[in-house]
N, C-alpha and C. Protein backbone atom coordinates (compact mmCIF):
# COMPACT_ATOMS: atom_id res chain seq x y z
N MET A 1 14.15 74.18 -0.19
CA MET A 1 13.21 75.10 -0.79
C MET A 1 13.98 76.28 -1.36
N GLN A 2 13.57 76.72 -2.50
CA GLN A 2 14.22 77.84 -3.17
C GLN A 2 13.16 78.89 -3.47
N SER A 3 13.49 80.15 -3.25
CA SER A 3 12.57 81.24 -3.53
C SER A 3 13.08 82.00 -4.75
N ILE A 4 12.22 82.18 -5.73
CA ILE A 4 12.58 82.91 -6.95
C ILE A 4 11.60 84.05 -7.10
N LYS A 5 12.11 85.26 -7.22
CA LYS A 5 11.26 86.42 -7.40
C LYS A 5 11.52 86.97 -8.80
N LEU A 6 10.45 87.25 -9.54
CA LEU A 6 10.63 87.83 -10.86
C LEU A 6 9.45 88.72 -11.17
N CYS A 7 9.65 89.61 -12.10
CA CYS A 7 8.56 90.46 -12.58
C CYS A 7 8.27 90.05 -14.01
N SER A 8 7.03 89.98 -14.35
CA SER A 8 6.64 89.56 -15.69
C SER A 8 5.48 90.42 -16.16
N HIS A 9 5.16 90.30 -17.43
CA HIS A 9 4.10 91.11 -18.03
C HIS A 9 2.94 90.21 -18.42
N VAL A 10 1.74 90.63 -18.09
CA VAL A 10 0.53 89.92 -18.51
C VAL A 10 0.10 90.51 -19.84
N GLY A 11 -0.04 89.67 -20.84
CA GLY A 11 -0.40 90.13 -22.16
C GLY A 11 -1.86 90.55 -22.26
N ALA A 12 -2.24 91.00 -23.46
CA ALA A 12 -3.63 91.46 -23.70
C ALA A 12 -4.63 90.34 -23.50
N ASP A 13 -4.17 89.10 -23.57
CA ASP A 13 -5.09 87.97 -23.39
C ASP A 13 -5.38 87.68 -21.92
N GLY A 14 -4.69 88.39 -21.00
CA GLY A 14 -4.93 88.23 -19.58
C GLY A 14 -4.28 87.00 -18.99
N ILE A 15 -3.35 86.38 -19.72
CA ILE A 15 -2.69 85.17 -19.24
C ILE A 15 -1.21 85.46 -18.97
N LEU A 16 -0.76 85.02 -17.81
CA LEU A 16 0.64 85.17 -17.43
C LEU A 16 1.38 83.89 -17.79
N HIS A 17 2.42 84.01 -18.58
CA HIS A 17 3.22 82.85 -18.97
C HIS A 17 4.53 82.89 -18.19
N LEU A 18 4.86 81.79 -17.52
CA LEU A 18 6.09 81.70 -16.74
C LEU A 18 6.96 80.58 -17.26
N ASN A 19 8.22 80.88 -17.52
CA ASN A 19 9.23 79.88 -17.85
C ASN A 19 10.35 80.05 -16.86
N ILE A 20 10.43 79.14 -15.89
CA ILE A 20 11.40 79.28 -14.81
C ILE A 20 12.25 78.02 -14.74
N PRO A 21 13.52 78.10 -15.15
CA PRO A 21 14.38 76.93 -15.01
C PRO A 21 14.73 76.74 -13.52
N VAL A 22 14.51 75.54 -13.01
CA VAL A 22 14.78 75.28 -11.61
C VAL A 22 15.95 74.34 -11.38
N GLY A 23 16.51 73.78 -12.45
CA GLY A 23 17.68 72.92 -12.32
C GLY A 23 17.35 71.54 -11.77
N ILE A 24 16.08 71.16 -11.75
CA ILE A 24 15.68 69.84 -11.28
C ILE A 24 15.03 69.11 -12.44
N THR A 25 15.33 67.84 -12.60
CA THR A 25 14.72 67.08 -13.68
C THR A 25 14.06 65.81 -13.12
N ASP A 26 12.97 65.43 -13.74
CA ASP A 26 12.27 64.18 -13.45
C ASP A 26 11.91 64.04 -11.97
N LYS A 27 11.43 65.12 -11.36
CA LYS A 27 10.98 65.10 -9.95
C LYS A 27 9.70 65.91 -9.85
N GLU A 28 8.90 65.62 -8.85
CA GLU A 28 7.72 66.43 -8.58
C GLU A 28 8.11 67.55 -7.62
N ILE A 29 7.62 68.73 -7.89
CA ILE A 29 7.88 69.85 -6.99
C ILE A 29 6.56 70.58 -6.72
N GLU A 30 6.52 71.28 -5.61
CA GLU A 30 5.37 72.09 -5.29
C GLU A 30 5.72 73.54 -5.60
N VAL A 31 4.85 74.23 -6.30
CA VAL A 31 5.09 75.61 -6.71
C VAL A 31 3.99 76.49 -6.16
N MET A 32 4.36 77.63 -5.58
CA MET A 32 3.39 78.59 -5.09
C MET A 32 3.56 79.89 -5.86
N VAL A 33 2.48 80.40 -6.41
CA VAL A 33 2.52 81.65 -7.18
C VAL A 33 1.67 82.66 -6.45
N ILE A 34 2.24 83.82 -6.16
CA ILE A 34 1.50 84.92 -5.53
C ILE A 34 1.59 86.10 -6.50
N ASP A 35 0.46 86.59 -6.94
CA ASP A 35 0.54 87.74 -7.85
C ASP A 35 0.21 89.01 -7.10
N GLN A 36 0.92 90.06 -7.45
CA GLN A 36 0.71 91.38 -6.86
C GLN A 36 0.87 92.39 -7.97
N GLN A 37 -0.21 93.10 -8.23
CA GLN A 37 -0.16 94.09 -9.30
C GLN A 37 0.72 95.25 -8.87
N LEU A 38 1.64 95.64 -9.72
CA LEU A 38 2.55 96.74 -9.42
C LEU A 38 1.91 98.06 -9.83
N GLU A 39 2.04 99.02 -8.94
CA GLU A 39 1.53 100.36 -9.24
C GLU A 39 2.51 101.05 -10.19
N PRO A 40 2.00 101.85 -11.09
CA PRO A 40 2.92 102.59 -11.96
C PRO A 40 3.87 103.42 -11.12
N SER A 41 5.12 103.44 -11.53
CA SER A 41 6.11 104.19 -10.75
C SER A 41 5.81 105.68 -10.85
N ALA A 42 6.17 106.38 -9.79
CA ALA A 42 5.95 107.82 -9.75
C ALA A 42 6.83 108.49 -10.79
N GLN A 43 6.42 109.64 -11.21
CA GLN A 43 7.20 110.38 -12.20
C GLN A 43 8.61 110.61 -11.68
N THR A 44 9.61 110.33 -12.49
CA THR A 44 11.00 110.52 -12.09
C THR A 44 11.29 112.01 -11.93
N LYS A 45 11.93 112.34 -10.81
CA LYS A 45 12.27 113.74 -10.56
C LYS A 45 13.56 114.10 -11.27
N THR A 46 13.67 115.34 -11.67
CA THR A 46 14.89 115.82 -12.31
C THR A 46 15.95 116.07 -11.22
N PRO A 47 17.24 116.10 -11.60
CA PRO A 47 18.28 116.38 -10.61
C PRO A 47 18.03 117.71 -9.89
N GLU A 48 17.51 118.69 -10.59
CA GLU A 48 17.24 119.99 -9.97
C GLU A 48 16.15 119.86 -8.90
N GLU A 49 15.14 119.04 -9.16
CA GLU A 49 14.07 118.81 -8.18
C GLU A 49 14.59 118.05 -6.96
N LEU A 50 15.68 117.31 -7.14
CA LEU A 50 16.28 116.56 -6.03
C LEU A 50 17.33 117.39 -5.28
N GLY A 51 17.53 118.66 -5.68
CA GLY A 51 18.42 119.54 -4.93
C GLY A 51 19.79 119.77 -5.57
N TRP A 52 20.06 119.18 -6.73
CA TRP A 52 21.34 119.40 -7.41
C TRP A 52 21.28 120.69 -8.21
N SER A 53 22.41 121.39 -8.31
CA SER A 53 22.42 122.62 -9.09
C SER A 53 22.30 122.29 -10.57
N PRO A 54 21.69 123.20 -11.36
CA PRO A 54 21.50 122.94 -12.77
C PRO A 54 22.83 122.67 -13.49
N GLY A 55 22.88 121.59 -14.27
CA GLY A 55 24.07 121.24 -15.04
C GLY A 55 25.18 120.59 -14.24
N PHE A 56 24.94 120.24 -12.95
CA PHE A 56 25.99 119.68 -12.10
C PHE A 56 26.61 118.43 -12.70
N PHE A 57 25.80 117.50 -13.13
CA PHE A 57 26.34 116.24 -13.64
C PHE A 57 27.04 116.43 -14.98
N GLU A 58 26.52 117.28 -15.82
CA GLU A 58 27.15 117.56 -17.10
C GLU A 58 28.53 118.21 -16.90
N LYS A 59 28.65 119.05 -15.88
CA LYS A 59 29.93 119.74 -15.60
C LYS A 59 30.95 118.82 -14.93
N THR A 60 30.51 117.88 -14.13
CA THR A 60 31.44 117.08 -13.34
C THR A 60 31.69 115.68 -13.87
N TYR A 61 30.87 115.18 -14.78
CA TYR A 61 31.05 113.83 -15.30
C TYR A 61 32.38 113.70 -16.03
N GLY A 62 33.19 112.74 -15.64
CA GLY A 62 34.45 112.46 -16.32
C GLY A 62 35.61 113.35 -15.92
N ILE A 63 35.50 114.13 -14.85
CA ILE A 63 36.59 115.06 -14.51
C ILE A 63 37.85 114.33 -14.02
N CYS A 64 37.74 113.09 -13.60
CA CYS A 64 38.92 112.34 -13.12
C CYS A 64 39.50 111.44 -14.22
N GLN A 65 39.04 111.56 -15.42
CA GLN A 65 39.48 110.67 -16.48
C GLN A 65 40.98 110.81 -16.79
N ASP A 66 41.54 112.00 -16.68
CA ASP A 66 42.97 112.20 -16.94
C ASP A 66 43.82 112.00 -15.68
N ASP A 67 43.20 111.89 -14.51
CA ASP A 67 43.89 111.71 -13.26
C ASP A 67 43.16 110.62 -12.45
N PRO A 68 43.30 109.36 -12.88
CA PRO A 68 42.51 108.30 -12.24
C PRO A 68 42.89 108.10 -10.77
N ILE A 69 41.93 107.65 -10.00
CA ILE A 69 42.15 107.37 -8.59
C ILE A 69 42.91 106.06 -8.47
N VAL A 70 44.00 106.07 -7.72
CA VAL A 70 44.83 104.88 -7.52
C VAL A 70 44.66 104.42 -6.09
N ILE A 71 44.32 103.15 -5.90
CA ILE A 71 44.14 102.62 -4.56
C ILE A 71 45.42 101.90 -4.18
N ASP A 72 46.02 102.35 -3.07
CA ASP A 72 47.24 101.73 -2.60
C ASP A 72 46.97 100.35 -2.06
N SER A 73 48.03 99.57 -1.91
CA SER A 73 47.93 98.23 -1.34
C SER A 73 47.37 98.31 0.07
N GLU A 74 46.56 97.35 0.43
CA GLU A 74 45.98 97.32 1.77
C GLU A 74 46.91 96.63 2.76
N GLY A 75 48.05 96.16 2.28
CA GLY A 75 49.00 95.50 3.16
C GLY A 75 48.68 94.03 3.37
N ASP A 76 49.44 93.41 4.24
CA ASP A 76 49.24 91.99 4.53
C ASP A 76 48.30 91.84 5.70
N PHE A 77 47.42 90.88 5.61
CA PHE A 77 46.51 90.60 6.70
C PHE A 77 47.13 89.62 7.65
N GLU A 78 46.75 89.73 8.92
CA GLU A 78 47.30 88.82 9.92
C GLU A 78 46.77 87.41 9.66
N VAL A 79 47.60 86.44 9.94
CA VAL A 79 47.21 85.04 9.77
C VAL A 79 46.57 84.60 11.09
N ARG A 80 45.33 84.10 10.97
CA ARG A 80 44.60 83.69 12.18
C ARG A 80 44.50 82.18 12.23
N GLU A 81 44.32 81.71 13.42
CA GLU A 81 44.16 80.29 13.66
C GLU A 81 42.81 79.84 13.09
N GLU A 82 42.80 78.69 12.44
CA GLU A 82 41.58 78.19 11.81
C GLU A 82 40.61 77.70 12.89
N ILE A 83 39.33 78.09 12.73
CA ILE A 83 38.29 77.67 13.68
C ILE A 83 37.68 76.38 13.18
N LEU A 84 37.62 75.39 14.03
CA LEU A 84 37.06 74.09 13.64
C LEU A 84 35.68 73.92 14.14
């Protein structure tokens, strides 16, 4: 059994059209459709409303561009016995 979750739009005609490739050919399958109307998302808050100082992202975006972060080697990992 495979579960596929997707969001789709119901047109003005009130009909939901689904095109879902399942990778199976010439077989019978059982399909269950559960519809749940999504509530409109709440108004997006500004960075200032979320507690950031005014202009924070504009001032700090790209400050590491001339001095990129370099990640050192993590070293060699120990070789473990294979579990059968």
